[in-house]
Amino acid sequence: MASAIYPFVKGVILNGCLDLYNDVIEAILVDDSYVYSPAHDSITTIRNYQVGSPCVLTVTYIANGVFDADDATFTAVTTTTEPPQKVSGVVIYHNKNNSDSQSMPIVYIDCSSTPITPNGSNITVQWDNGPNKIFAL
C-alpha cells in the first residue's frame, strides 16, 4: 500500500475546517495488520492497530499545499503480543477534544518496506525532506 491522504479530510481542509497550525495534530504507529481504507473517517477503528503511545507533532511548515512537521519521536515503544507486532505505518490525525470518534485521520504513511519490531526503545520517524514533505495536496 502506498501512502495516502484520507479522502474525508481533504474536504475538511479545503473548507477551512481544520487548522493544521493551531489544532492538536498527533501521530500513531500502526502494526502490520492495519489496512488503509479510504472509508476511515475517525481514528476509532485505527486505534485497534496502534502500537505505543501517540506523539504530538510540532507543525513547522504549511505553504503552497505542503505540510511538514518536526520529526516524530515515539518514546519507549513496546509490544505485548506474541509474535511481536511490527510497526509498518504511521497515521497522522487531528486529535479533537481527546475524543476518538471526533478525531479524524489525515494521512497514512506506509513503512511496510522497513517494518520495525518494537523493543522498548524510542522510535524516531524522519519525515521526507523532499518538496512534498509529509504530504502535499
N, C-alpha and C. Protein backbone atom coordinates (compact mmCIF):
# COMPACT_ATOMS: atom_id res chain seq x y z
N MET A 1 0.85 -1.19 0.00
CA MET A 1 0.00 0.00 0.00
C MET A 1 0.88 1.23 0.00
N ALA A 2 0.58 2.15 -0.83
CA ALA A 2 1.29 3.43 -0.85
C ALA A 2 0.70 4.36 0.21
N SER A 3 1.44 5.36 0.56
CA SER A 3 0.93 6.37 1.49
C SER A 3 -0.25 7.09 0.84
N ALA A 4 -1.17 7.60 1.69
CA ALA A 4 -2.37 8.24 1.13
C ALA A 4 -2.99 9.21 2.13
N ILE A 5 -3.60 10.24 1.57
CA ILE A 5 -4.39 11.17 2.38
C ILE A 5 -5.80 10.59 2.44
N TYR A 6 -6.39 10.58 3.65
CA TYR A 6 -7.75 10.07 3.78
C TYR A 6 -8.70 11.03 3.08
N PRO A 7 -9.55 10.53 2.17
CA PRO A 7 -10.42 11.39 1.37
C PRO A 7 -11.31 12.33 2.19
N PHE A 8 -11.84 11.85 3.31
CA PHE A 8 -12.73 12.67 4.13
C PHE A 8 -12.07 13.98 4.54
N VAL A 9 -10.80 13.90 4.90
CA VAL A 9 -10.11 15.08 5.43
C VAL A 9 -9.80 16.11 4.33
N LYS A 10 -9.74 15.68 3.09
CA LYS A 10 -9.48 16.63 2.01
C LYS A 10 -10.54 17.72 1.98
N GLY A 11 -11.80 17.33 2.07
CA GLY A 11 -12.89 18.30 2.09
C GLY A 11 -12.85 19.18 3.32
N VAL A 12 -12.49 18.59 4.46
CA VAL A 12 -12.39 19.35 5.70
C VAL A 12 -11.32 20.43 5.57
N ILE A 13 -10.17 20.06 5.01
CA ILE A 13 -9.09 21.03 4.81
C ILE A 13 -9.50 22.10 3.81
N LEU A 14 -10.06 21.69 2.68
CA LEU A 14 -10.44 22.64 1.64
C LEU A 14 -11.54 23.59 2.09
N ASN A 15 -12.37 23.16 3.03
CA ASN A 15 -13.43 24.02 3.56
C ASN A 15 -12.94 24.89 4.72
N GLY A 16 -11.66 24.78 5.06
CA GLY A 16 -11.10 25.61 6.11
C GLY A 16 -11.54 25.20 7.51
N CYS A 17 -11.95 23.95 7.68
CA CYS A 17 -12.46 23.49 8.98
C CYS A 17 -11.39 22.76 9.81
N LEU A 18 -10.15 22.78 9.36
CA LEU A 18 -9.06 22.17 10.11
C LEU A 18 -7.89 23.13 10.08
N ASP A 19 -7.43 23.53 11.26
CA ASP A 19 -6.31 24.45 11.40
C ASP A 19 -5.07 23.63 11.76
N LEU A 20 -4.30 23.26 10.78
CA LEU A 20 -3.15 22.39 11.00
C LEU A 20 -2.08 23.03 11.88
N TYR A 21 -2.06 24.36 11.98
CA TYR A 21 -1.10 25.02 12.86
C TYR A 21 -1.55 25.01 14.32
N ASN A 22 -2.81 25.27 14.56
CA ASN A 22 -3.27 25.50 15.93
C ASN A 22 -4.05 24.34 16.55
N ASP A 23 -4.58 23.44 15.76
CA ASP A 23 -5.25 22.27 16.30
C ASP A 23 -4.20 21.25 16.75
N VAL A 24 -4.59 20.30 17.58
CA VAL A 24 -3.66 19.27 18.05
C VAL A 24 -3.54 18.20 16.96
N ILE A 25 -2.35 18.10 16.41
CA ILE A 25 -2.07 17.11 15.37
C ILE A 25 -1.13 16.07 15.99
N GLU A 26 -1.54 14.81 15.94
CA GLU A 26 -0.76 13.73 16.54
C GLU A 26 -0.49 12.65 15.51
N ALA A 27 0.44 11.77 15.87
CA ALA A 27 0.75 10.62 15.02
C ALA A 27 0.74 9.38 15.89
N ILE A 28 0.32 8.27 15.30
CA ILE A 28 0.42 6.97 15.96
C ILE A 28 1.12 6.00 15.02
N LEU A 29 1.82 5.06 15.62
CA LEU A 29 2.39 3.96 14.87
C LEU A 29 1.32 2.89 14.76
N VAL A 30 1.22 2.25 13.60
CA VAL A 30 0.26 1.16 13.42
C VAL A 30 0.99 -0.11 13.04
N ASP A 31 0.42 -1.24 13.47
CA ASP A 31 1.07 -2.53 13.22
C ASP A 31 0.80 -3.04 11.82
N ASP A 32 1.44 -4.15 11.50
CA ASP A 32 1.38 -4.68 10.14
C ASP A 32 0.05 -5.32 9.77
N SER A 33 -0.88 -5.39 10.72
CA SER A 33 -2.21 -5.90 10.35
C SER A 33 -3.16 -4.78 9.93
N TYR A 34 -2.73 -3.51 10.09
CA TYR A 34 -3.58 -2.39 9.67
C TYR A 34 -3.63 -2.33 8.15
N VAL A 35 -4.83 -2.14 7.63
CA VAL A 35 -5.04 -1.97 6.20
C VAL A 35 -5.70 -0.61 5.99
N TYR A 36 -5.04 0.24 5.25
CA TYR A 36 -5.60 1.56 4.94
C TYR A 36 -6.94 1.40 4.25
N SER A 37 -7.88 2.25 4.65
CA SER A 37 -9.17 2.28 3.97
C SER A 37 -9.59 3.72 3.75
N PRO A 38 -9.97 4.09 2.54
CA PRO A 38 -10.43 5.46 2.31
C PRO A 38 -11.71 5.77 3.06
N ALA A 39 -12.38 4.75 3.58
CA ALA A 39 -13.62 4.95 4.33
C ALA A 39 -13.37 5.38 5.78
N HIS A 40 -12.15 5.25 6.26
CA HIS A 40 -11.86 5.65 7.65
C HIS A 40 -12.03 7.16 7.79
N ASP A 41 -12.99 7.57 8.62
CA ASP A 41 -13.22 9.00 8.82
C ASP A 41 -13.12 9.40 10.29
N SER A 42 -12.75 8.45 11.16
CA SER A 42 -12.42 8.77 12.55
C SER A 42 -11.29 7.84 12.96
N ILE A 43 -10.62 8.19 14.04
CA ILE A 43 -9.47 7.40 14.49
C ILE A 43 -9.92 6.16 15.26
N THR A 44 -11.21 6.04 15.54
CA THR A 44 -11.74 4.96 16.37
C THR A 44 -11.27 3.58 15.91
N THR A 45 -11.52 3.23 14.68
CA THR A 45 -11.15 1.90 14.18
C THR A 45 -9.65 1.73 14.11
N ILE A 46 -8.93 2.77 13.76
CA ILE A 46 -7.49 2.70 13.59
C ILE A 46 -6.79 2.44 14.93
N ARG A 47 -7.38 2.90 16.03
CA ARG A 47 -6.80 2.69 17.37
C ARG A 47 -6.54 1.22 17.66
N ASN A 48 -7.33 0.33 17.08
CA ASN A 48 -7.16 -1.10 17.31
C ASN A 48 -5.80 -1.61 16.83
N TYR A 49 -5.13 -0.85 15.98
CA TYR A 49 -3.86 -1.26 15.39
C TYR A 49 -2.68 -0.44 15.93
N GLN A 50 -2.95 0.42 16.89
CA GLN A 50 -1.93 1.31 17.44
C GLN A 50 -0.88 0.53 18.23
N VAL A 51 0.38 0.93 18.04
CA VAL A 51 1.50 0.39 18.80
C VAL A 51 2.12 1.56 19.57
N GLY A 52 2.25 1.43 20.88
CA GLY A 52 2.83 2.51 21.68
C GLY A 52 1.86 3.65 21.88
N SER A 53 2.40 4.76 22.34
CA SER A 53 1.60 5.96 22.64
C SER A 53 1.69 6.96 21.50
N PRO A 54 0.67 7.82 21.37
CA PRO A 54 0.70 8.85 20.33
C PRO A 54 1.84 9.85 20.57
N CYS A 55 2.18 10.55 19.53
CA CYS A 55 3.20 11.60 19.58
C CYS A 55 2.57 12.87 19.03
N VAL A 56 2.62 13.95 19.80
CA VAL A 56 2.12 15.24 19.33
C VAL A 56 3.13 15.82 18.35
N LEU A 57 2.65 16.27 17.21
CA LEU A 57 3.55 16.84 16.20
C LEU A 57 3.69 18.34 16.39
N THR A 58 4.89 18.81 16.18
CA THR A 58 5.14 20.25 16.13
C THR A 58 5.18 20.63 14.66
N VAL A 59 4.11 21.29 14.23
CA VAL A 59 3.98 21.67 12.82
C VAL A 59 4.95 22.81 12.53
N THR A 60 5.73 22.66 11.48
CA THR A 60 6.74 23.67 11.16
C THR A 60 6.50 24.40 9.85
N TYR A 61 5.66 23.82 8.98
CA TYR A 61 5.55 24.41 7.65
C TYR A 61 4.23 24.03 7.02
N ILE A 62 3.51 25.05 6.57
CA ILE A 62 2.32 24.85 5.74
C ILE A 62 2.33 25.97 4.72
N ALA A 63 2.57 25.62 3.48
CA ALA A 63 2.58 26.62 2.41
C ALA A 63 2.43 25.90 1.08
N ASN A 64 1.74 26.55 0.16
CA ASN A 64 1.59 26.02 -1.19
C ASN A 64 1.07 24.58 -1.20
N GLY A 65 0.18 24.25 -0.25
CA GLY A 65 -0.41 22.93 -0.20
C GLY A 65 0.48 21.85 0.38
N VAL A 66 1.61 22.25 1.00
CA VAL A 66 2.56 21.30 1.56
C VAL A 66 2.54 21.38 3.08
N PHE A 67 2.56 20.22 3.74
CA PHE A 67 2.51 20.13 5.21
C PHE A 67 3.79 19.45 5.71
N ASP A 68 4.40 20.04 6.75
CA ASP A 68 5.59 19.45 7.34
C ASP A 68 5.58 19.69 8.85
N ALA A 69 6.34 18.87 9.54
CA ALA A 69 6.46 18.97 11.00
C ALA A 69 7.84 18.48 11.39
N ASP A 70 8.21 18.76 12.64
CA ASP A 70 9.46 18.19 13.16
C ASP A 70 9.34 16.67 13.12
N ASP A 71 10.49 16.00 13.01
CA ASP A 71 10.49 14.55 13.07
C ASP A 71 9.82 14.10 14.37
N ALA A 72 9.16 12.96 14.34
CA ALA A 72 8.37 12.48 15.49
C ALA A 72 9.15 11.40 16.23
N THR A 73 9.26 11.56 17.55
CA THR A 73 9.91 10.54 18.38
C THR A 73 8.86 9.92 19.29
N PHE A 74 8.65 8.63 19.11
CA PHE A 74 7.75 7.85 19.94
C PHE A 74 8.61 7.21 21.03
N THR A 75 8.26 7.42 22.29
CA THR A 75 9.15 7.00 23.38
C THR A 75 8.79 5.63 23.92
N ALA A 76 9.85 4.87 24.22
CA ALA A 76 9.76 3.56 24.89
C ALA A 76 8.66 2.68 24.29
N VAL A 77 8.74 2.44 23.01
CA VAL A 77 7.71 1.67 22.30
C VAL A 77 7.92 0.18 22.54
N THR A 78 6.88 -0.46 23.06
CA THR A 78 6.92 -1.89 23.32
C THR A 78 5.73 -2.56 22.65
N THR A 79 5.78 -3.87 22.62
CA THR A 79 4.67 -4.66 22.10
C THR A 79 4.34 -5.74 23.12
N THR A 80 3.08 -6.09 23.21
CA THR A 80 2.66 -7.09 24.20
C THR A 80 2.12 -8.35 23.55
N THR A 81 2.26 -8.45 22.25
CA THR A 81 1.69 -9.61 21.55
C THR A 81 2.78 -10.62 21.22
N GLU A 82 2.37 -11.85 21.02
CA GLU A 82 3.25 -12.91 20.54
C GLU A 82 2.64 -13.51 19.29
N PRO A 83 3.30 -13.53 18.16
CA PRO A 83 4.60 -12.91 17.96
C PRO A 83 4.50 -11.39 18.07
N PRO A 84 5.62 -10.71 18.27
CA PRO A 84 5.59 -9.26 18.45
C PRO A 84 5.01 -8.54 17.24
N GLN A 85 4.24 -7.47 17.51
CA GLN A 85 3.73 -6.63 16.43
C GLN A 85 4.91 -5.96 15.74
N LYS A 86 4.78 -5.76 14.45
CA LYS A 86 5.76 -4.98 13.71
C LYS A 86 5.10 -3.67 13.31
N VAL A 87 5.80 -2.58 13.50
CA VAL A 87 5.30 -1.28 13.08
C VAL A 87 5.52 -1.18 11.58
N SER A 88 4.43 -0.93 10.84
CA SER A 88 4.55 -0.86 9.39
C SER A 88 3.93 0.40 8.80
N GLY A 89 3.52 1.32 9.67
CA GLY A 89 2.94 2.56 9.18
C GLY A 89 2.75 3.58 10.26
N VAL A 90 2.45 4.79 9.82
CA VAL A 90 2.17 5.91 10.71
C VAL A 90 0.87 6.55 10.24
N VAL A 91 0.00 6.88 11.18
CA VAL A 91 -1.21 7.62 10.87
C VAL A 91 -1.12 8.96 11.59
N ILE A 92 -1.22 10.03 10.82
CA ILE A 92 -1.28 11.38 11.39
C ILE A 92 -2.74 11.75 11.45
N TYR A 93 -3.15 12.30 12.59
CA TYR A 93 -4.57 12.61 12.76
C TYR A 93 -4.77 13.89 13.56
N HIS A 94 -5.97 14.45 13.44
CA HIS A 94 -6.38 15.61 14.21
C HIS A 94 -7.03 15.11 15.49
N ASN A 95 -6.41 15.39 16.64
CA ASN A 95 -6.97 15.00 17.92
C ASN A 95 -7.95 16.09 18.35
N LYS A 96 -9.21 15.79 18.22
CA LYS A 96 -10.24 16.77 18.57
C LYS A 96 -10.86 16.38 19.91
N ASN A 97 -10.62 17.20 20.90
CA ASN A 97 -11.22 17.05 22.24
C ASN A 97 -10.90 15.71 22.89
N ASN A 98 -9.77 15.09 22.52
CA ASN A 98 -9.41 13.77 23.05
C ASN A 98 -10.52 12.75 22.87
N SER A 99 -11.29 12.90 21.81
CA SER A 99 -12.39 12.00 21.50
C SER A 99 -12.08 11.26 20.21
N ASP A 100 -11.91 9.94 20.31
CA ASP A 100 -11.60 9.17 19.11
C ASP A 100 -12.66 9.31 18.03
N SER A 101 -13.93 9.36 18.43
CA SER A 101 -14.99 9.44 17.43
C SER A 101 -15.00 10.79 16.71
N GLN A 102 -14.46 11.83 17.34
CA GLN A 102 -14.39 13.16 16.72
C GLN A 102 -13.05 13.42 16.03
N SER A 103 -12.06 12.59 16.34
CA SER A 103 -10.71 12.79 15.80
C SER A 103 -10.59 12.10 14.45
N MET A 104 -10.11 12.85 13.45
CA MET A 104 -10.08 12.32 12.10
C MET A 104 -8.67 12.05 11.60
N PRO A 105 -8.49 10.91 10.93
CA PRO A 105 -7.19 10.64 10.32
C PRO A 105 -6.94 11.60 9.16
N ILE A 106 -5.71 12.01 9.03
CA ILE A 106 -5.34 12.94 7.96
C ILE A 106 -4.59 12.21 6.86
N VAL A 107 -3.53 11.50 7.25
CA VAL A 107 -2.70 10.83 6.25
C VAL A 107 -2.15 9.53 6.83
N TYR A 108 -2.06 8.53 5.96
CA TYR A 108 -1.42 7.26 6.29
C TYR A 108 -0.09 7.22 5.56
N ILE A 109 0.97 6.88 6.29
CA ILE A 109 2.29 6.77 5.69
C ILE A 109 2.73 5.32 5.81
N ASP A 110 2.92 4.68 4.68
CA ASP A 110 3.28 3.27 4.62
C ASP A 110 4.78 3.11 4.87
N CYS A 111 5.12 2.30 5.86
CA CYS A 111 6.53 1.99 6.19
C CYS A 111 6.77 0.49 6.08
N SER A 112 5.90 -0.22 5.36
CA SER A 112 5.96 -1.68 5.34
C SER A 112 7.23 -2.23 4.69
N SER A 113 7.92 -1.41 3.90
CA SER A 113 9.16 -1.91 3.29
C SER A 113 10.30 -1.98 4.31
N THR A 114 10.13 -1.29 5.43
CA THR A 114 11.14 -1.32 6.51
C THR A 114 10.44 -1.42 7.86
N PRO A 115 9.70 -2.51 8.11
CA PRO A 115 8.98 -2.63 9.38
C PRO A 115 9.95 -2.69 10.56
N ILE A 116 9.46 -2.24 11.71
CA ILE A 116 10.27 -2.20 12.93
C ILE A 116 9.58 -3.05 13.99
N THR A 117 10.34 -3.89 14.67
CA THR A 117 9.82 -4.63 15.81
C THR A 117 10.18 -3.84 17.06
N PRO A 118 9.19 -3.32 17.79
CA PRO A 118 9.48 -2.53 18.99
C PRO A 118 10.20 -3.37 20.05
N ASN A 119 11.14 -2.72 20.74
CA ASN A 119 11.89 -3.42 21.78
C ASN A 119 12.03 -2.60 23.06
N GLY A 120 11.19 -1.57 23.21
CA GLY A 120 11.26 -0.72 24.38
C GLY A 120 12.06 0.56 24.16
N SER A 121 12.72 0.65 23.02
CA SER A 121 13.49 1.86 22.69
C SER A 121 12.59 2.90 22.04
N ASN A 122 13.12 4.09 21.88
CA ASN A 122 12.40 5.13 21.15
C ASN A 122 12.42 4.80 19.66
N ILE A 123 11.37 5.21 18.97
CA ILE A 123 11.32 5.10 17.51
C ILE A 123 11.14 6.51 16.97
N THR A 124 12.10 6.94 16.14
CA THR A 124 12.02 8.28 15.55
C THR A 124 11.64 8.13 14.08
N VAL A 125 10.61 8.85 13.69
CA VAL A 125 10.17 8.87 12.29
C VAL A 125 10.69 10.16 11.68
N GLN A 126 11.54 10.01 10.69
CA GLN A 126 12.09 11.16 9.98
C GLN A 126 11.26 11.39 8.73
N TRP A 127 10.60 12.52 8.68
CA TRP A 127 9.74 12.84 7.55
C TRP A 127 10.59 13.15 6.33
N ASP A 128 10.00 12.96 5.18
CA ASP A 128 10.65 13.24 3.91
C ASP A 128 11.03 14.72 3.84
N ASN A 129 12.24 15.02 3.38
CA ASN A 129 12.68 16.40 3.22
C ASN A 129 12.55 16.87 1.77
N GLY A 130 11.94 16.05 0.92
CA GLY A 130 11.73 16.42 -0.47
C GLY A 130 10.68 17.52 -0.59
N PRO A 131 10.31 17.89 -1.79
CA PRO A 131 9.39 19.01 -2.00
C PRO A 131 7.99 18.78 -1.43
N ASN A 132 7.56 17.52 -1.28
CA ASN A 132 6.21 17.24 -0.75
C ASN A 132 6.19 17.07 0.75
N LYS A 133 7.36 17.05 1.41
CA LYS A 133 7.49 16.91 2.87
C LYS A 133 6.63 15.74 3.34
N ILE A 134 5.78 15.95 4.36
CA ILE A 134 4.93 14.85 4.87
C ILE A 134 3.82 14.55 3.87
N PHE A 135 3.13 15.60 3.42
CA PHE A 135 2.16 15.41 2.35
C PHE A 135 1.91 16.73 1.64
N ALA A 136 1.40 16.62 0.43
CA ALA A 136 1.04 17.78 -0.37
C ALA A 136 -0.34 17.54 -0.96
N LEU A 137 -1.14 18.59 -0.95
CA LEU A 137 -2.47 18.50 -1.58
C LEU A 137 -2.37 18.87 -3.04
